[in-house]
Amino acid sequence: MKYVLALVVCFAFAETAIAQKKITGNVITEYGSTFTVPNPDITTEKNQEFKVVFDIADSPEDPSQLNRYFETVARFLNMHENAGVPLNKLKPVMVVHGSAAYGLLKNDFYAKEFGTDNPNLELLDALHNAGVKIILCGQTAGSRNITKEKRWEHTQLALSAMTALIQFQNKGYQLISF
């Protein structure tokens, strides 16, 4: 019986030692927590550039909720920095269109549209401060009347999401689409 108990304790300790832990990030500290991945089978190539363009078109049904696709960009930064990739090798870009575009509204216009504060603004500021380009589809802006006056101040405007996605992919950015 002592040996069985000893085995159970050893297995419990081993499980704890390799269990994944949820951690906050160093780049975007308030958003984008990730899990540790001890000893992955596919290792992260820390010296390559991670040029990625996120195609973000959806928003949560509840406008008081943070857009989880925006937060994915924070997770991208946090997990790769935690894995040892230098920040200057991380090159994320967000291309926003469809219903996700409303998440780029200044707070007063968002509140007027949805009756609640824009939950994305703090995250957008943190992403901008981390060097993330945030691009709005000009076609979406036109069709949804998201004028320059209404947009979060660091929004960059493209002719279209399609145009921006093609141009960034032509520059070697890899597409992650939601």
N, C-alpha and C. Protein backbone atom coordinates (compact mmCIF):
# COMPACT_ATOMS: atom_id res chain seq x y z
N MET A 1 0.81 -1.20 0.00
CA MET A 1 0.00 0.00 0.00
C MET A 1 0.86 1.26 0.00
N LYS A 2 1.99 1.20 0.77
CA LYS A 2 2.90 2.35 0.80
C LYS A 2 3.42 2.66 -0.61
N TYR A 3 3.70 1.62 -1.39
CA TYR A 3 4.25 1.84 -2.72
C TYR A 3 3.22 2.46 -3.66
N VAL A 4 1.97 2.05 -3.52
CA VAL A 4 0.90 2.62 -4.34
C VAL A 4 0.74 4.10 -4.01
N LEU A 5 0.75 4.43 -2.73
CA LEU A 5 0.64 5.82 -2.31
C LEU A 5 1.83 6.63 -2.82
N ALA A 6 3.01 6.05 -2.76
CA ALA A 6 4.20 6.74 -3.25
C ALA A 6 4.09 6.98 -4.75
N LEU A 7 3.58 6.02 -5.50
CA LEU A 7 3.39 6.18 -6.94
C LEU A 7 2.38 7.28 -7.24
N VAL A 8 1.29 7.32 -6.50
CA VAL A 8 0.27 8.35 -6.70
C VAL A 8 0.87 9.73 -6.45
N VAL A 9 1.65 9.87 -5.39
CA VAL A 9 2.30 11.15 -5.08
C VAL A 9 3.28 11.52 -6.19
N CYS A 10 4.05 10.57 -6.68
CA CYS A 10 5.01 10.85 -7.77
C CYS A 10 4.28 11.29 -9.04
N PHE A 11 3.20 10.60 -9.40
CA PHE A 11 2.45 10.98 -10.60
C PHE A 11 1.81 12.35 -10.43
N ALA A 12 1.30 12.63 -9.24
CA ALA A 12 0.71 13.94 -8.99
C ALA A 12 1.76 15.03 -9.10
N PHE A 13 2.96 14.78 -8.57
CA PHE A 13 4.04 15.76 -8.67
C PHE A 13 4.46 15.95 -10.13
N ALA A 14 4.59 14.85 -10.86
CA ALA A 14 4.99 14.92 -12.28
C ALA A 14 3.94 15.69 -13.08
N GLU A 15 2.68 15.45 -12.80
CA GLU A 15 1.60 16.16 -13.52
C GLU A 15 1.66 17.65 -13.23
N THR A 16 1.91 18.01 -11.97
CA THR A 16 2.03 19.42 -11.59
C THR A 16 3.24 20.05 -12.27
N ALA A 17 4.31 19.30 -12.38
CA ALA A 17 5.54 19.85 -12.96
C ALA A 17 5.39 20.15 -14.44
N ILE A 18 4.55 19.39 -15.16
CA ILE A 18 4.41 19.62 -16.60
C ILE A 18 3.09 20.29 -16.97
N ALA A 19 2.26 20.57 -15.98
CA ALA A 19 0.96 21.19 -16.26
C ALA A 19 1.17 22.59 -16.82
N GLN A 20 0.29 22.96 -17.71
CA GLN A 20 0.35 24.29 -18.28
C GLN A 20 -0.23 25.29 -17.29
N LYS A 21 0.42 26.44 -17.21
CA LYS A 21 -0.03 27.48 -16.30
C LYS A 21 -0.47 28.68 -17.12
N LYS A 22 -1.53 29.32 -16.69
CA LYS A 22 -1.99 30.55 -17.33
C LYS A 22 -1.14 31.69 -16.80
N ILE A 23 -0.62 32.48 -17.74
CA ILE A 23 0.26 33.59 -17.36
C ILE A 23 -0.17 34.87 -18.07
N THR A 24 0.13 35.98 -17.45
CA THR A 24 -0.09 37.27 -18.10
C THR A 24 1.14 37.60 -18.92
N GLY A 25 0.97 38.54 -19.82
CA GLY A 25 2.07 38.89 -20.69
C GLY A 25 2.84 40.10 -20.21
N ASN A 26 4.00 40.27 -20.80
CA ASN A 26 4.85 41.41 -20.49
C ASN A 26 4.64 42.55 -21.48
N VAL A 27 4.05 42.27 -22.63
CA VAL A 27 3.89 43.29 -23.66
C VAL A 27 2.57 44.04 -23.46
N ILE A 28 1.48 43.30 -23.42
CA ILE A 28 0.14 43.86 -23.17
C ILE A 28 -0.30 43.24 -21.84
N THR A 29 0.00 43.91 -20.75
CA THR A 29 -0.13 43.29 -19.43
C THR A 29 -1.57 43.04 -18.98
N GLU A 30 -2.49 43.86 -19.40
CA GLU A 30 -3.87 43.72 -18.93
C GLU A 30 -4.73 42.80 -19.80
N TYR A 31 -4.20 42.39 -20.95
CA TYR A 31 -4.97 41.58 -21.90
C TYR A 31 -4.07 40.50 -22.48
N GLY A 32 -4.71 39.48 -23.04
CA GLY A 32 -3.97 38.48 -23.79
C GLY A 32 -3.16 37.51 -22.96
N SER A 33 -3.75 37.03 -21.86
CA SER A 33 -3.05 36.00 -21.09
C SER A 33 -2.97 34.73 -21.94
N THR A 34 -1.93 33.95 -21.67
CA THR A 34 -1.68 32.72 -22.44
C THR A 34 -1.34 31.59 -21.48
N PHE A 35 -1.10 30.43 -22.03
CA PHE A 35 -0.68 29.28 -21.25
C PHE A 35 0.76 28.92 -21.59
N THR A 36 1.50 28.52 -20.59
CA THR A 36 2.85 28.01 -20.84
C THR A 36 2.72 26.68 -21.57
N VAL A 37 3.70 26.39 -22.40
CA VAL A 37 3.74 25.10 -23.10
C VAL A 37 5.14 24.52 -22.88
N PRO A 38 5.28 23.73 -21.80
CA PRO A 38 6.60 23.16 -21.52
C PRO A 38 6.98 22.11 -22.57
N ASN A 39 8.18 22.21 -23.05
CA ASN A 39 8.73 21.22 -23.98
C ASN A 39 7.84 20.93 -25.19
N PRO A 40 7.50 21.94 -25.99
CA PRO A 40 6.67 21.67 -27.17
C PRO A 40 7.42 20.81 -28.19
N ASP A 41 6.69 20.00 -28.93
CA ASP A 41 7.30 19.17 -29.97
C ASP A 41 7.79 20.01 -31.14
N ILE A 42 7.08 21.09 -31.43
CA ILE A 42 7.49 22.02 -32.47
C ILE A 42 8.00 23.26 -31.76
N THR A 43 9.28 23.48 -31.82
CA THR A 43 9.88 24.58 -31.09
C THR A 43 9.68 25.90 -31.83
N THR A 44 9.68 26.96 -31.09
CA THR A 44 9.52 28.30 -31.65
C THR A 44 10.87 28.79 -32.16
N GLU A 45 10.91 29.18 -33.42
CA GLU A 45 12.14 29.70 -34.02
C GLU A 45 12.27 31.17 -33.62
N LYS A 46 13.07 31.41 -32.62
CA LYS A 46 13.13 32.72 -31.96
C LYS A 46 13.81 33.80 -32.78
N ASN A 47 14.56 33.44 -33.80
CA ASN A 47 15.29 34.44 -34.57
C ASN A 47 14.59 34.84 -35.86
N GLN A 48 13.48 34.21 -36.19
CA GLN A 48 12.78 34.59 -37.42
C GLN A 48 11.81 35.72 -37.14
N GLU A 49 11.45 36.47 -38.18
CA GLU A 49 10.44 37.51 -38.04
C GLU A 49 9.06 36.85 -38.07
N PHE A 50 8.19 37.33 -37.22
CA PHE A 50 6.81 36.85 -37.17
C PHE A 50 5.93 37.96 -37.75
N LYS A 51 5.88 38.01 -39.08
CA LYS A 51 5.07 39.01 -39.79
C LYS A 51 3.70 38.40 -40.04
N VAL A 52 2.68 38.97 -39.40
CA VAL A 52 1.34 38.40 -39.50
C VAL A 52 0.32 39.50 -39.66
N VAL A 53 -0.65 39.26 -40.54
CA VAL A 53 -1.77 40.17 -40.71
C VAL A 53 -3.03 39.44 -40.24
N PHE A 54 -3.67 40.01 -39.25
CA PHE A 54 -4.90 39.45 -38.69
C PHE A 54 -6.09 40.04 -39.43
N ASP A 55 -6.90 39.20 -40.04
CA ASP A 55 -8.11 39.59 -40.75
C ASP A 55 -9.27 39.45 -39.77
N ILE A 56 -9.76 40.59 -39.26
CA ILE A 56 -10.76 40.57 -38.19
C ILE A 56 -12.06 41.18 -38.69
N ALA A 57 -13.09 40.35 -38.80
CA ALA A 57 -14.36 40.81 -39.35
C ALA A 57 -15.54 40.67 -38.38
N ASP A 58 -15.36 39.92 -37.31
CA ASP A 58 -16.49 39.65 -36.41
C ASP A 58 -16.36 40.38 -35.09
N SER A 59 -17.50 40.56 -34.44
CA SER A 59 -17.56 41.20 -33.14
C SER A 59 -18.46 40.37 -32.24
N PRO A 60 -18.36 40.56 -30.94
CA PRO A 60 -19.25 39.81 -30.03
C PRO A 60 -20.70 40.26 -30.19
N GLU A 61 -21.61 39.35 -29.91
CA GLU A 61 -23.03 39.70 -29.97
C GLU A 61 -23.38 40.77 -28.94
N ASP A 62 -22.73 40.70 -27.79
CA ASP A 62 -22.96 41.67 -26.73
C ASP A 62 -21.96 42.82 -26.89
N PRO A 63 -22.41 44.02 -27.26
CA PRO A 63 -21.48 45.12 -27.51
C PRO A 63 -20.73 45.61 -26.27
N SER A 64 -21.12 45.14 -25.09
CA SER A 64 -20.38 45.53 -23.88
C SER A 64 -19.17 44.62 -23.65
N GLN A 65 -19.03 43.60 -24.49
CA GLN A 65 -17.93 42.65 -24.35
C GLN A 65 -16.75 43.02 -25.25
N LEU A 66 -15.55 42.79 -24.76
CA LEU A 66 -14.33 42.99 -25.51
C LEU A 66 -14.32 42.09 -26.75
N ASN A 67 -13.83 42.61 -27.86
CA ASN A 67 -13.71 41.78 -29.06
C ASN A 67 -12.55 40.82 -28.84
N ARG A 68 -12.86 39.54 -28.72
CA ARG A 68 -11.83 38.54 -28.43
C ARG A 68 -10.83 38.41 -29.56
N TYR A 69 -11.21 38.79 -30.78
CA TYR A 69 -10.26 38.74 -31.89
C TYR A 69 -9.23 39.86 -31.78
N PHE A 70 -9.62 41.00 -31.25
CA PHE A 70 -8.64 42.05 -30.96
C PHE A 70 -7.66 41.54 -29.90
N GLU A 71 -8.22 40.86 -28.89
CA GLU A 71 -7.38 40.35 -27.81
C GLU A 71 -6.42 39.26 -28.29
N THR A 72 -6.78 38.57 -29.36
CA THR A 72 -5.88 37.56 -29.92
C THR A 72 -4.55 38.18 -30.34
N VAL A 73 -4.59 39.40 -30.81
CA VAL A 73 -3.35 40.08 -31.20
C VAL A 73 -2.48 40.31 -29.96
N ALA A 74 -3.09 40.65 -28.85
CA ALA A 74 -2.35 40.78 -27.58
C ALA A 74 -1.76 39.43 -27.16
N ARG A 75 -2.54 38.36 -27.32
CA ARG A 75 -2.03 37.02 -26.99
C ARG A 75 -0.84 36.66 -27.87
N PHE A 76 -0.94 36.99 -29.16
CA PHE A 76 0.17 36.74 -30.09
C PHE A 76 1.45 37.40 -29.57
N LEU A 77 1.37 38.68 -29.22
CA LEU A 77 2.54 39.39 -28.72
C LEU A 77 3.05 38.79 -27.41
N ASN A 78 2.14 38.57 -26.47
CA ASN A 78 2.53 38.07 -25.15
C ASN A 78 3.15 36.68 -25.21
N MET A 79 2.52 35.77 -25.95
CA MET A 79 3.03 34.39 -25.93
C MET A 79 4.37 34.28 -26.62
N HIS A 80 4.56 35.03 -27.70
CA HIS A 80 5.84 34.93 -28.40
C HIS A 80 6.96 35.63 -27.62
N GLU A 81 6.65 36.74 -26.99
CA GLU A 81 7.66 37.40 -26.15
C GLU A 81 8.01 36.50 -24.97
N ASN A 82 7.00 35.87 -24.37
CA ASN A 82 7.26 34.94 -23.26
C ASN A 82 8.08 33.73 -23.71
N ALA A 83 7.96 33.36 -24.99
CA ALA A 83 8.70 32.22 -25.54
C ALA A 83 10.13 32.60 -25.93
N GLY A 84 10.47 33.89 -25.81
CA GLY A 84 11.83 34.32 -26.09
C GLY A 84 12.04 34.99 -27.43
N VAL A 85 10.96 35.25 -28.17
CA VAL A 85 11.10 35.96 -29.44
C VAL A 85 11.27 37.45 -29.13
N PRO A 86 12.33 38.08 -29.63
CA PRO A 86 12.52 39.51 -29.38
C PRO A 86 11.37 40.34 -29.95
N LEU A 87 11.00 41.37 -29.24
CA LEU A 87 9.87 42.21 -29.68
C LEU A 87 10.07 42.77 -31.09
N ASN A 88 11.30 43.08 -31.45
CA ASN A 88 11.53 43.63 -32.78
C ASN A 88 11.33 42.60 -33.90
N LYS A 89 11.14 41.35 -33.54
CA LYS A 89 10.85 40.30 -34.53
C LYS A 89 9.35 40.06 -34.67
N LEU A 90 8.53 40.69 -33.81
CA LEU A 90 7.08 40.51 -33.85
C LEU A 90 6.46 41.67 -34.61
N LYS A 91 5.78 41.37 -35.72
CA LYS A 91 5.26 42.41 -36.61
C LYS A 91 3.77 42.17 -36.93
N PRO A 92 2.89 42.29 -35.93
CA PRO A 92 1.47 42.07 -36.20
C PRO A 92 0.79 43.32 -36.77
N VAL A 93 -0.16 43.08 -37.65
CA VAL A 93 -1.02 44.11 -38.24
C VAL A 93 -2.45 43.61 -38.12
N MET A 94 -3.37 44.50 -37.79
CA MET A 94 -4.79 44.16 -37.74
C MET A 94 -5.49 44.84 -38.92
N VAL A 95 -6.24 44.07 -39.69
CA VAL A 95 -7.11 44.63 -40.73
C VAL A 95 -8.53 44.35 -40.28
N VAL A 96 -9.28 45.42 -40.02
CA VAL A 96 -10.60 45.32 -39.40
C VAL A 96 -11.66 45.70 -40.42
N HIS A 97 -12.71 44.88 -40.50
CA HIS A 97 -13.84 45.16 -41.39
C HIS A 97 -15.07 44.47 -40.84
N GLY A 98 -16.17 44.55 -41.57
CA GLY A 98 -17.41 43.94 -41.11
C GLY A 98 -17.86 44.53 -39.79
N SER A 99 -18.57 43.73 -39.01
CA SER A 99 -19.10 44.22 -37.73
C SER A 99 -18.00 44.58 -36.73
N ALA A 100 -16.79 44.02 -36.90
CA ALA A 100 -15.68 44.34 -36.00
C ALA A 100 -15.30 45.81 -36.08
N ALA A 101 -15.63 46.47 -37.19
CA ALA A 101 -15.26 47.88 -37.38
C ALA A 101 -15.86 48.78 -36.31
N TYR A 102 -17.01 48.42 -35.79
CA TYR A 102 -17.62 49.25 -34.74
C TYR A 102 -16.74 49.32 -33.50
N GLY A 103 -15.90 48.32 -33.28
CA GLY A 103 -14.98 48.33 -32.15
C GLY A 103 -13.93 49.41 -32.24
N LEU A 104 -13.82 50.06 -33.41
CA LEU A 104 -12.86 51.14 -33.61
C LEU A 104 -13.49 52.53 -33.43
N LEU A 105 -14.73 52.56 -32.98
CA LEU A 105 -15.39 53.84 -32.74
C LEU A 105 -14.89 54.50 -31.46
N LYS A 106 -14.79 55.82 -31.48
CA LYS A 106 -14.54 56.57 -30.24
C LYS A 106 -15.69 56.28 -29.28
N ASN A 107 -15.42 56.45 -28.01
CA ASN A 107 -16.40 56.04 -26.99
C ASN A 107 -17.76 56.72 -27.13
N ASP A 108 -17.79 58.04 -27.37
CA ASP A 108 -19.09 58.71 -27.43
C ASP A 108 -19.94 58.19 -28.60
N PHE A 109 -19.32 57.90 -29.73
CA PHE A 109 -20.08 57.38 -30.87
C PHE A 109 -20.49 55.93 -30.65
N TYR A 110 -19.63 55.16 -29.99
CA TYR A 110 -19.97 53.78 -29.66
C TYR A 110 -21.16 53.74 -28.69
N ALA A 111 -21.10 54.59 -27.68
CA ALA A 111 -22.18 54.65 -26.68
C ALA A 111 -23.50 55.06 -27.32
N LYS A 112 -23.42 55.99 -28.26
CA LYS A 112 -24.63 56.43 -28.94
C LYS A 112 -25.22 55.28 -29.78
N GLU A 113 -24.36 54.49 -30.39
CA GLU A 113 -24.79 53.37 -31.25
C GLU A 113 -25.29 52.18 -30.44
N PHE A 114 -24.60 51.88 -29.31
CA PHE A 114 -24.87 50.62 -28.60
C PHE A 114 -25.35 50.79 -27.17
N GLY A 115 -25.37 52.01 -26.64
CA GLY A 115 -25.85 52.22 -25.28
C GLY A 115 -24.89 51.75 -24.21
N THR A 116 -23.64 51.58 -24.54
CA THR A 116 -22.61 51.14 -23.59
C THR A 116 -21.26 51.69 -24.03
N ASP A 117 -20.33 51.78 -23.09
CA ASP A 117 -18.98 52.23 -23.44
C ASP A 117 -18.30 51.22 -24.35
N ASN A 118 -17.36 51.70 -25.16
CA ASN A 118 -16.58 50.82 -26.02
C ASN A 118 -15.56 50.08 -25.17
N PRO A 119 -15.71 48.76 -25.02
CA PRO A 119 -14.80 48.00 -24.16
C PRO A 119 -13.44 47.75 -24.80
N ASN A 120 -13.25 48.14 -26.05
CA ASN A 120 -12.03 47.83 -26.79
C ASN A 120 -10.96 48.91 -26.72
N LEU A 121 -11.31 50.10 -26.28
CA LEU A 121 -10.41 51.25 -26.42
C LEU A 121 -9.11 51.11 -25.63
N GLU A 122 -9.17 50.63 -24.42
CA GLU A 122 -7.95 50.45 -23.62
C GLU A 122 -7.02 49.44 -24.30
N LEU A 123 -7.59 48.35 -24.79
CA LEU A 123 -6.80 47.34 -25.50
C LEU A 123 -6.21 47.92 -26.78
N LEU A 124 -7.00 48.66 -27.54
CA LEU A 124 -6.50 49.28 -28.76
C LEU A 124 -5.34 50.23 -28.47
N ASP A 125 -5.44 51.01 -27.41
CA ASP A 125 -4.34 51.89 -27.02
C ASP A 125 -3.08 51.09 -26.70
N ALA A 126 -3.25 50.00 -25.96
CA ALA A 126 -2.10 49.17 -25.60
C ALA A 126 -1.47 48.54 -26.84
N LEU A 127 -2.30 48.08 -27.77
CA LEU A 127 -1.78 47.50 -29.02
C LEU A 127 -1.03 48.56 -29.82
N HIS A 128 -1.62 49.74 -29.93
CA HIS A 128 -0.95 50.83 -30.64
C HIS A 128 0.39 51.16 -30.00
N ASN A 129 0.42 51.23 -28.67
CA ASN A 129 1.66 51.54 -27.96
C ASN A 129 2.72 50.45 -28.15
N ALA A 130 2.28 49.23 -28.47
CA ALA A 130 3.19 48.12 -28.73
C ALA A 130 3.62 48.08 -30.20
N GLY A 131 3.12 49.04 -31.00
CA GLY A 131 3.55 49.12 -32.39
C GLY A 131 2.67 48.40 -33.40
N VAL A 132 1.50 47.94 -32.98
CA VAL A 132 0.60 47.24 -33.89
C VAL A 132 -0.12 48.25 -34.78
N LYS A 133 -0.09 48.01 -36.09
CA LYS A 133 -0.86 48.84 -37.02
C LYS A 133 -2.29 48.33 -37.01
N ILE A 134 -3.23 49.27 -36.91
CA ILE A 134 -4.65 48.91 -36.88
C ILE A 134 -5.31 49.62 -38.06
N ILE A 135 -5.75 48.81 -39.01
CA ILE A 135 -6.22 49.31 -40.30
C ILE A 135 -7.70 49.00 -40.47
N LEU A 136 -8.45 50.00 -40.88
CA LEU A 136 -9.89 49.85 -41.13
C LEU A 136 -10.14 49.79 -42.63
N CYS A 137 -11.01 48.90 -43.03
CA CYS A 137 -11.46 48.79 -44.42
C CYS A 137 -12.24 50.05 -44.79
N GLY A 138 -11.81 50.74 -45.84
CA GLY A 138 -12.51 51.94 -46.28
C GLY A 138 -13.91 51.67 -46.78
N GLN A 139 -14.14 50.49 -47.32
CA GLN A 139 -15.47 50.13 -47.81
C GLN A 139 -16.43 49.91 -46.64
N THR A 140 -15.93 49.26 -45.60
CA THR A 140 -16.74 49.08 -44.39
C THR A 140 -17.02 50.43 -43.75
N ALA A 141 -16.00 51.28 -43.67
CA ALA A 141 -16.19 52.62 -43.08
C ALA A 141 -17.27 53.37 -43.83
N GLY A 142 -17.26 53.31 -45.16
CA GLY A 142 -18.26 54.00 -45.95
C GLY A 142 -19.65 53.42 -45.77
N SER A 143 -19.75 52.09 -45.82
CA SER A 143 -21.08 51.46 -45.74
C SER A 143 -21.69 51.57 -44.34
N ARG A 144 -20.88 51.74 -43.32
CA ARG A 144 -21.38 51.82 -41.95
C ARG A 144 -21.26 53.23 -41.37
N ASN A 145 -20.92 54.18 -42.22
CA ASN A 145 -20.82 55.59 -41.83
C ASN A 145 -19.86 55.79 -40.65
N ILE A 146 -18.71 55.15 -40.73
CA ILE A 146 -17.69 55.31 -39.69
C ILE A 146 -16.69 56.34 -40.22
N THR A 147 -17.05 57.60 -40.02
CA THR A 147 -16.24 58.70 -40.53
C THR A 147 -14.98 58.90 -39.69
N LYS A 148 -14.05 59.67 -40.19
CA LYS A 148 -12.81 59.96 -39.46
C LYS A 148 -13.12 60.55 -38.09
N GLU A 149 -14.10 61.41 -38.02
CA GLU A 149 -14.51 62.04 -36.76
C GLU A 149 -14.94 60.99 -35.72
N LYS A 150 -15.52 59.89 -36.16
CA LYS A 150 -16.04 58.87 -35.26
C LYS A 150 -15.01 57.81 -34.86
N ARG A 151 -13.93 57.72 -35.60
CA ARG A 151 -12.95 56.64 -35.41
C ARG A 151 -11.95 56.92 -34.30
N TRP A 152 -11.56 55.86 -33.62
CA TRP A 152 -10.45 55.91 -32.67
C TRP A 152 -9.26 56.52 -33.39
N GLU A 153 -8.56 57.43 -32.73
CA GLU A 153 -7.61 58.33 -33.38
C GLU A 153 -6.42 57.65 -34.06
N HIS A 154 -6.07 56.43 -33.72
CA HIS A 154 -4.92 55.78 -34.34
C HIS A 154 -5.30 54.82 -35.47
N THR A 155 -6.56 54.86 -35.87
CA THR A 155 -7.02 54.01 -36.96
C THR A 155 -6.42 54.49 -38.27
N GLN A 156 -5.87 53.55 -39.04
CA GLN A 156 -5.41 53.85 -40.39
C GLN A 156 -6.46 53.32 -41.36
N LEU A 157 -6.70 54.04 -42.43
CA LEU A 157 -7.74 53.67 -43.39
C LEU A 157 -7.12 53.14 -44.67
N ALA A 158 -7.64 52.03 -45.17
CA ALA A 158 -7.22 51.45 -46.45
C ALA A 158 -8.37 51.54 -47.43
N LEU A 159 -8.07 51.41 -48.70
CA LEU A 159 -9.11 51.38 -49.73
C LEU A 159 -10.13 50.30 -49.39
N SER A 160 -9.64 49.15 -49.01
CA SER A 160 -10.52 48.05 -48.62
C SER A 160 -9.72 47.07 -47.77
N ALA A 161 -10.42 46.18 -47.08
CA ALA A 161 -9.73 45.11 -46.35
C ALA A 161 -9.01 44.21 -47.34
N MET A 162 -9.66 43.92 -48.45
CA MET A 162 -9.04 43.07 -49.47
C MET A 162 -7.71 43.66 -49.92
N THR A 163 -7.70 44.96 -50.20
CA THR A 163 -6.48 45.63 -50.65
C THR A 163 -5.38 45.52 -49.60
N ALA A 164 -5.69 45.85 -48.36
CA ALA A 164 -4.69 45.80 -47.29
C ALA A 164 -4.18 44.37 -47.09
N LEU A 165 -5.08 43.39 -47.09
CA LEU A 165 -4.66 42.00 -46.89
C LEU A 165 -3.73 41.53 -48.01
N ILE A 166 -4.05 41.87 -49.24
CA ILE A 166 -3.19 41.49 -50.37
C ILE A 166 -1.83 42.16 -50.25
N GLN A 167 -1.84 43.46 -49.98
CA GLN A 167 -0.58 44.20 -49.92
C GLN A 167 0.33 43.68 -48.82
N PHE A 168 -0.21 43.39 -47.64
CA PHE A 168 0.63 42.88 -46.56
C PHE A 168 1.11 41.46 -46.86
N GLN A 169 0.26 40.64 -47.45
CA GLN A 169 0.71 39.29 -47.82
C GLN A 169 1.79 39.36 -48.89
N ASN A 170 1.69 40.31 -49.81
CA ASN A 170 2.73 40.49 -50.82
C ASN A 170 4.06 40.92 -50.19
N LYS A 171 4.01 41.49 -49.00
CA LYS A 171 5.22 41.90 -48.27
C LYS A 171 5.73 40.78 -47.34
N GLY A 172 5.13 39.59 -47.44
CA GLY A 172 5.59 38.46 -46.64
C GLY A 172 4.85 38.23 -45.35
N TYR A 173 3.78 38.96 -45.10
CA TYR A 173 2.98 38.74 -43.90
C TYR A 173 2.11 37.50 -44.10
N GLN A 174 1.98 36.72 -43.05
CA GLN A 174 1.14 35.53 -43.09
C GLN A 174 -0.25 35.88 -42.59
N LEU A 175 -1.26 35.34 -43.23
CA LEU A 175 -2.66 35.66 -42.93
C LEU A 175 -3.18 34.77 -41.81
N ILE A 176 -3.79 35.41 -40.82
CA ILE A 176 -4.60 34.72 -39.82
C ILE A 176 -5.97 35.35 -39.90
N SER A 177 -6.96 34.54 -40.25
CA SER A 177 -8.29 35.07 -40.53
C SER A 177 -9.31 34.54 -39.54
N PHE A 178 -10.20 35.44 -39.13
CA PHE A 178 -11.31 35.06 -38.23
C PHE A 178 -12.62 35.31 -38.94
